[in-house]
Every structure is written in C-alpha cells, then in structure tokens.
PDB file of N, CA and C in Angstrom:
ATOM      1  N   UNK A   1     -13.482 -16.671  16.553  1.00  0.00           N
ATOM      2  CA  UNK A   1     -12.030 -16.790  16.532  1.00  0.00           C
ATOM      3  C   UNK A   1     -11.390 -15.658  15.718  1.00  0.00           C
ATOM      4  N   UNK A   2     -12.012 -15.356  14.554  1.00  0.00           N
ATOM      5  CA  UNK A   2     -11.457 -14.302  13.707  1.00  0.00           C
ATOM      6  C   UNK A   2     -11.499 -12.947  14.401  1.00  0.00           C
ATOM      7  N   UNK A   3     -12.525 -12.730  15.229  1.00  0.00           N
ATOM      8  CA  UNK A   3     -12.632 -11.462  15.928  1.00  0.00           C
ATOM      9  C   UNK A   3     -11.478 -11.278  16.919  1.00  0.00           C
ATOM     10  N   UNK A   4     -11.064 -12.360  17.578  1.00  0.00           N
ATOM     11  CA  UNK A   4      -9.935 -12.279  18.517  1.00  0.00           C
ATOM     12  C   UNK A   4      -8.632 -12.001  17.784  1.00  0.00           C
ATOM     13  N   UNK A   5      -8.444 -12.646  16.636  1.00  0.00           N
ATOM     14  CA  UNK A   5      -7.228 -12.410  15.848  1.00  0.00           C
ATOM     15  C   UNK A   5      -7.230 -10.980  15.313  1.00  0.00           C
ATOM     16  N   UNK A   6      -8.410 -10.484  14.915  1.00  0.00           N
ATOM     17  CA  UNK A   6      -8.543  -9.110  14.430  1.00  0.00           C
ATOM     18  C   UNK A   6      -8.104  -8.117  15.515  1.00  0.00           C
ATOM     19  N   UNK A   7      -8.556  -8.327  16.735  1.00  0.00           N
ATOM     20  CA  UNK A   7      -8.175  -7.447  17.842  1.00  0.00           C
ATOM     21  C   UNK A   7      -6.684  -7.564  18.145  1.00  0.00           C
ATOM     22  N   UNK A   8      -6.155  -8.777  18.046  1.00  0.00           N
ATOM     23  CA  UNK A   8      -4.728  -8.988  18.272  1.00  0.00           C
ATOM     24  C   UNK A   8      -3.890  -8.243  17.234  1.00  0.00           C
ATOM     25  N   UNK A   9      -4.326  -8.255  15.972  1.00  0.00           N
ATOM     26  CA  UNK A   9      -3.580  -7.532  14.936  1.00  0.00           C
ATOM     27  C   UNK A   9      -3.624  -6.025  15.187  1.00  0.00           C
ATOM     28  N   UNK A  10      -4.721  -5.522  15.721  1.00  0.00           N
ATOM     29  CA  UNK A  10      -4.801  -4.101  16.053  1.00  0.00           C
ATOM     30  C   UNK A  10      -3.821  -3.753  17.175  1.00  0.00           C
ATOM     31  N   UNK A  11      -3.728  -4.604  18.177  1.00  0.00           N
ATOM     32  CA  UNK A  11      -2.799  -4.374  19.283  1.00  0.00           C
ATOM     33  C   UNK A  11      -1.358  -4.457  18.795  1.00  0.00           C
ATOM     34  N   UNK A  12      -1.061  -5.429  17.945  1.00  0.00           N
ATOM     35  CA  UNK A  12       0.289  -5.576  17.400  1.00  0.00           C
ATOM     36  C   UNK A  12       0.660  -4.347  16.576  1.00  0.00           C
ATOM     37  N   UNK A  13      -0.289  -3.802  15.812  1.00  0.00           N
ATOM     38  CA  UNK A  13      -0.020  -2.593  15.027  1.00  0.00           C
ATOM     39  C   UNK A  13       0.365  -1.429  15.926  1.00  0.00           C
ATOM     40  N   UNK A  14      -0.356  -1.259  17.002  1.00  0.00           N
ATOM     41  CA  UNK A  14      -0.035  -0.176  17.939  1.00  0.00           C
ATOM     42  C   UNK A  14       1.340  -0.385  18.576  1.00  0.00           C
ATOM     43  N   UNK A  15       1.629  -1.607  18.976  1.00  0.00           N
ATOM     44  CA  UNK A  15       2.922  -1.897  19.596  1.00  0.00           C
ATOM     45  C   UNK A  15       4.076  -1.681  18.609  1.00  0.00           C
ATOM     46  N   UNK A  16       3.897  -2.110  17.367  1.00  0.00           N
ATOM     47  CA  UNK A  16       4.938  -1.896  16.362  1.00  0.00           C
ATOM     48  C   UNK A  16       5.159  -0.408  16.106  1.00  0.00           C
ATOM     49  N   UNK A  17       4.087   0.374  16.086  1.00  0.00           N
ATOM     50  CA  UNK A  17       4.226   1.806  15.881  1.00  0.00           C
ATOM     51  C   UNK A  17       4.998   2.449  17.029  1.00  0.00           C
ATOM     52  N   UNK A  18       4.712   2.042  18.246  1.00  0.00           N
ATOM     53  CA  UNK A  18       5.419   2.597  19.402  1.00  0.00           C
ATOM     54  C   UNK A  18       6.885   2.182  19.397  1.00  0.00           C
ATOM     55  N   UNK A  19       7.151   0.913  19.118  1.00  0.00           N
ATOM     56  CA  UNK A  19       8.525   0.411  19.129  1.00  0.00           C
ATOM     57  C   UNK A  19       9.342   1.035  17.999  1.00  0.00           C
ATOM     58  N   UNK A  20       8.702   1.277  16.852  1.00  0.00           N
ATOM     59  CA  UNK A  20       9.419   1.839  15.710  1.00  0.00           C
ATOM     60  C   UNK A  20      10.029   3.191  16.034  1.00  0.00           C
ATOM     61  N   UNK A  21       9.331   4.016  16.797  1.00  0.00           N
ATOM     62  CA  UNK A  21       9.828   5.352  17.105  1.00  0.00           C
ATOM     63  C   UNK A  21      10.449   5.449  18.492  1.00  0.00           C
ATOM     64  N   UNK A  22      10.773   4.313  19.080  1.00  0.00           N
ATOM     65  CA  UNK A  22      11.424   4.300  20.382  1.00  0.00           C
ATOM     66  C   UNK A  22      12.941   4.238  20.194  1.00  0.00           C
ATOM     67  N   UNK A  23      13.695   4.496  21.243  1.00  0.00           N
ATOM     68  CA  UNK A  23      15.158   4.384  21.147  1.00  0.00           C
ATOM     69  C   UNK A  23      15.645   2.968  20.842  1.00  0.00           C
ATOM     70  N   UNK A  24      14.772   1.982  20.952  1.00  0.00           N
ATOM     71  CA  UNK A  24      15.154   0.613  20.606  1.00  0.00           C
ATOM     72  C   UNK A  24      15.481   0.502  19.118  1.00  0.00           C
ATOM     73  N   UNK A  25      14.724   1.170  18.269  1.00  0.00           N
ATOM     74  CA  UNK A  25      14.942   1.128  16.830  1.00  0.00           C
ATOM     75  C   UNK A  25      15.728   2.340  16.350  1.00  0.00           C
ATOM     76  N   UNK A  26      15.485   3.485  16.938  1.00  0.00           N
ATOM     77  CA  UNK A  26      16.161   4.709  16.510  1.00  0.00           C
ATOM     78  C   UNK A  26      17.015   5.245  17.675  1.00  0.00           C
ATOM     79  N   UNK A  27      18.129   4.605  17.961  1.00  0.00           N
ATOM     80  CA  UNK A  27      18.992   5.113  19.022  1.00  0.00           C
ATOM     81  C   UNK A  27      19.767   6.343  18.543  1.00  0.00           C
ATOM     82  N   UNK A  28      20.143   7.173  19.463  1.00  0.00           N
ATOM     83  CA  UNK A  28      20.856   8.395  19.119  1.00  0.00           C
ATOM     84  C   UNK A  28      22.318   8.087  18.798  1.00  0.00           C
ATOM     85  N   UNK A  29      22.745   8.442  17.598  1.00  0.00           N
ATOM     86  CA  UNK A  29      24.149   8.392  17.195  1.00  0.00           C
ATOM     87  C   UNK A  29      24.739   6.966  17.200  1.00  0.00           C
ATOM     88  N   UNK A  30      23.934   5.973  16.834  1.00  0.00           N
ATOM     89  CA  UNK A  30      24.405   4.588  16.784  1.00  0.00           C
ATOM     90  C   UNK A  30      24.237   4.076  15.358  1.00  0.00           C
ATOM     91  N   UNK A  31      25.277   3.506  14.803  1.00  0.00           N
ATOM     92  CA  UNK A  31      25.176   2.932  13.462  1.00  0.00           C
ATOM     93  C   UNK A  31      25.680   1.499  13.414  1.00  0.00           C
ATOM     94  N   UNK A  32      26.207   0.985  14.502  1.00  0.00           N
ATOM     95  CA  UNK A  32      26.645  -0.404  14.552  1.00  0.00           C
ATOM     96  C   UNK A  32      25.680  -1.169  15.435  1.00  0.00           C
ATOM     97  N   UNK A  33      25.389  -2.411  15.230  1.00  0.00           N
ATOM     98  CA  UNK A  33      25.991  -3.322  14.279  1.00  0.00           C
ATOM     99  C   UNK A  33      25.433  -3.098  12.879  1.00  0.00           C
ATOM    100  N   UNK A  34      26.208  -3.479  11.911  1.00  0.00           N
ATOM    101  CA  UNK A  34      25.774  -3.409  10.522  1.00  0.00           C
ATOM    102  C   UNK A  34      25.334  -4.789  10.065  1.00  0.00           C
ATOM    103  N   UNK A  35      24.407  -4.821   9.130  1.00  0.00           N
ATOM    104  CA  UNK A  35      23.923  -6.064   8.553  1.00  0.00           C
ATOM    105  C   UNK A  35      23.930  -5.873   7.041  1.00  0.00           C
ATOM    106  N   UNK A  36      24.752  -6.632   6.353  1.00  0.00           N
ATOM    107  CA  UNK A  36      24.925  -6.506   4.900  1.00  0.00           C
ATOM    108  C   UNK A  36      25.321  -5.086   4.505  1.00  0.00           C
ATOM    109  N   UNK A  37      26.089  -4.426   5.331  1.00  0.00           N
ATOM    110  CA  UNK A  37      26.557  -3.078   5.043  1.00  0.00           C
ATOM    111  C   UNK A  37      25.549  -1.984   5.376  1.00  0.00           C
ATOM    112  N   UNK A  38      24.378  -2.355   5.898  1.00  0.00           N
ATOM    113  CA  UNK A  38      23.361  -1.371   6.255  1.00  0.00           C
ATOM    114  C   UNK A  38      23.507  -1.004   7.723  1.00  0.00           C
ATOM    115  N   UNK A  39      23.418   0.273   8.062  1.00  0.00           N
ATOM    116  CA  UNK A  39      23.506   0.668   9.474  1.00  0.00           C
ATOM    117  C   UNK A  39      22.303   0.155  10.281  1.00  0.00           C
ATOM    118  N   UNK A  40      22.496   0.108  11.573  1.00  0.00           N
ATOM    119  CA  UNK A  40      21.515  -0.457  12.503  1.00  0.00           C
ATOM    120  C   UNK A  40      20.123   0.132  12.319  1.00  0.00           C
ATOM    121  N   UNK A  41      20.026   1.444  12.290  1.00  0.00           N
ATOM    122  CA  UNK A  41      18.718   2.088  12.198  1.00  0.00           C
ATOM    123  C   UNK A  41      18.007   1.724  10.902  1.00  0.00           C
ATOM    124  N   UNK A  42      18.740   1.619   9.808  1.00  0.00           N
ATOM    125  CA  UNK A  42      18.123   1.296   8.528  1.00  0.00           C
ATOM    126  C   UNK A  42      17.595  -0.131   8.512  1.00  0.00           C
ATOM    127  N   UNK A  43      18.408  -1.110   8.924  1.00  0.00           N
ATOM    128  CA  UNK A  43      17.915  -2.487   8.838  1.00  0.00           C
ATOM    129  C   UNK A  43      16.842  -2.793   9.867  1.00  0.00           C
ATOM    130  N   UNK A  44      16.865  -2.138  11.020  1.00  0.00           N
ATOM    131  CA  UNK A  44      15.767  -2.353  11.964  1.00  0.00           C
ATOM    132  C   UNK A  44      14.485  -1.692  11.458  1.00  0.00           C
ATOM    133  N   UNK A  45      14.615  -0.551  10.780  1.00  0.00           N
ATOM    134  CA  UNK A  45      13.449   0.088  10.177  1.00  0.00           C
ATOM    135  C   UNK A  45      12.845  -0.768   9.082  1.00  0.00           C
ATOM    136  N   UNK A  46      13.689  -1.376   8.264  1.00  0.00           N
ATOM    137  CA  UNK A  46      13.205  -2.287   7.220  1.00  0.00           C
ATOM    138  C   UNK A  46      12.515  -3.495   7.842  1.00  0.00           C
ATOM    139  N   UNK A  47      13.104  -4.049   8.903  1.00  0.00           N
ATOM    140  CA  UNK A  47      12.497  -5.183   9.606  1.00  0.00           C
ATOM    141  C   UNK A  47      11.125  -4.811  10.164  1.00  0.00           C
ATOM    142  N   UNK A  48      11.018  -3.630  10.763  1.00  0.00           N
ATOM    143  CA  UNK A  48       9.737  -3.189  11.310  1.00  0.00           C
ATOM    144  C   UNK A  48       8.708  -3.007  10.196  1.00  0.00           C
ATOM    145  N   UNK A  49       9.144  -2.548   9.037  1.00  0.00           N
ATOM    146  CA  UNK A  49       8.232  -2.386   7.903  1.00  0.00           C
ATOM    147  C   UNK A  49       7.698  -3.730   7.443  1.00  0.00           C
ATOM    148  N   UNK A  50       8.555  -4.739   7.360  1.00  0.00           N
ATOM    149  CA  UNK A  50       8.109  -6.071   6.968  1.00  0.00           C
ATOM    150  C   UNK A  50       7.168  -6.679   8.008  1.00  0.00           C
ATOM    151  N   UNK A  51       7.444  -6.437   9.284  1.00  0.00           N
ATOM    152  CA  UNK A  51       6.543  -6.937  10.328  1.00  0.00           C
ATOM    153  C   UNK A  51       5.175  -6.271  10.227  1.00  0.00           C
ATOM    154  N   UNK A  52       5.152  -4.964   9.960  1.00  0.00           N
ATOM    155  CA  UNK A  52       3.882  -4.258   9.813  1.00  0.00           C
ATOM    156  C   UNK A  52       3.130  -4.735   8.570  1.00  0.00           C
ATOM    157  N   UNK A  53       3.855  -5.009   7.489  1.00  0.00           N
ATOM    158  CA  UNK A  53       3.227  -5.534   6.274  1.00  0.00           C
ATOM    159  C   UNK A  53       2.584  -6.893   6.544  1.00  0.00           C
ATOM    160  N   UNK A  54       3.317  -7.780   7.210  1.00  0.00           N
ATOM    161  CA  UNK A  54       2.782  -9.106   7.531  1.00  0.00           C
ATOM    162  C   UNK A  54       1.552  -8.990   8.432  1.00  0.00           C
ATOM    163  N   UNK A  55       1.606  -8.084   9.387  1.00  0.00           N
ATOM    164  CA  UNK A  55       0.472  -7.874  10.284  1.00  0.00           C
ATOM    165  C   UNK A  55      -0.732  -7.324   9.521  1.00  0.00           C
ATOM    166  N   UNK A  56      -0.502  -6.434   8.586  1.00  0.00           N
ATOM    167  CA  UNK A  56      -1.589  -5.878   7.782  1.00  0.00           C
ATOM    168  C   UNK A  56      -2.228  -6.949   6.900  1.00  0.00           C
ATOM    169  N   UNK A  57      -1.410  -7.792   6.300  1.00  0.00           N
ATOM    170  CA  UNK A  57      -1.953  -8.868   5.466  1.00  0.00           C
ATOM    171  C   UNK A  57      -2.795  -9.825   6.307  1.00  0.00           C
ATOM    172  N   UNK A  58      -2.329 -10.171   7.497  1.00  0.00           N
ATOM    173  CA  UNK A  58      -3.103 -11.023   8.386  1.00  0.00           C
ATOM    174  C   UNK A  58      -4.413 -10.349   8.777  1.00  0.00           C
ATOM    175  N   UNK A  59      -4.364  -9.055   9.057  1.00  0.00           N
ATOM    176  CA  UNK A  59      -5.581  -8.325   9.436  1.00  0.00           C
ATOM    177  C   UNK A  59      -6.594  -8.294   8.291  1.00  0.00           C
ATOM    178  N   UNK A  60      -6.105  -8.164   7.060  1.00  0.00           N
ATOM    179  CA  UNK A  60      -7.008  -8.178   5.905  1.00  0.00           C
ATOM    180  C   UNK A  60      -7.678  -9.531   5.757  1.00  0.00           C
ATOM    181  N   UNK A  61      -6.938 -10.591   5.995  1.00  0.00           N
ATOM    182  CA  UNK A  61      -7.486 -11.946   5.851  1.00  0.00           C
ATOM    183  C   UNK A  61      -8.552 -12.235   6.901  1.00  0.00           C
ATOM    184  N   UNK A  62      -8.341 -11.782   8.128  1.00  0.00           N
ATOM    185  CA  UNK A  62      -9.251 -12.155   9.227  1.00  0.00           C
ATOM    186  C   UNK A  62     -10.235 -11.054   9.606  1.00  0.00           C
ATOM    187  N   UNK A  63     -10.306  -9.980   8.844  1.00  0.00           N
ATOM    188  CA  UNK A  63     -11.210  -8.899   9.236  1.00  0.00           C
ATOM    189  C   UNK A  63     -12.646  -9.393   9.317  1.00  0.00           C
ATOM    190  N   UNK A  64     -13.349  -8.929  10.332  1.00  0.00           N
ATOM    191  CA  UNK A  64     -14.737  -9.387  10.478  1.00  0.00           C
ATOM    192  C   UNK A  64     -15.611  -8.813   9.365  1.00  0.00           C
ATOM    193  N   UNK A  65     -16.486  -9.621   8.852  1.00  0.00           N
ATOM    194  CA  UNK A  65     -17.414  -9.196   7.793  1.00  0.00           C
ATOM    195  C   UNK A  65     -18.650  -8.587   8.438  1.00  0.00           C
ATOM    196  N   UNK A  66     -19.079  -7.451   7.897  1.00  0.00           N
ATOM    197  CA  UNK A  66     -20.294  -6.821   8.426  1.00  0.00           C
ATOM    198  C   UNK A  66     -21.295  -6.639   7.334  1.00  0.00           C
TER     199      UNK A  66
END
C-alpha cells in the first residue's frame, strides 16, 4: 500500500510543478482577484508551495524502506 502512495506522491509532485509554471498560476498581466490584499499570482504561488510541502511530508512518511 505504501508503495502505491509513494508513486502517487511522485506523480502529484510532477503535476504541481507543471501547474505552477503554467498560465493557470502565472497568467500574463493579471493581478485580480486579490485575496487579503495579495495579487492573484502571489497567493496562488503560496498555495502551490503549501500543497508541495504537504505532498513532501506525505512522501517522507510513506517512503519505502530499503
């Protein structure tokens, strides 16, 4: 079971990396909507960082032992 979760965390890491540098997170010349006074690109970047952190912590917990 842990091996499947380990592979899933690897896939999620790749997907988050691709989405982070896509126009979905970094659109050209867009700063609205704002969240707590932060422009769109900044708060989505922070959100992606927290998602990657959570994914990394999960990967550390379930990494296969060799």
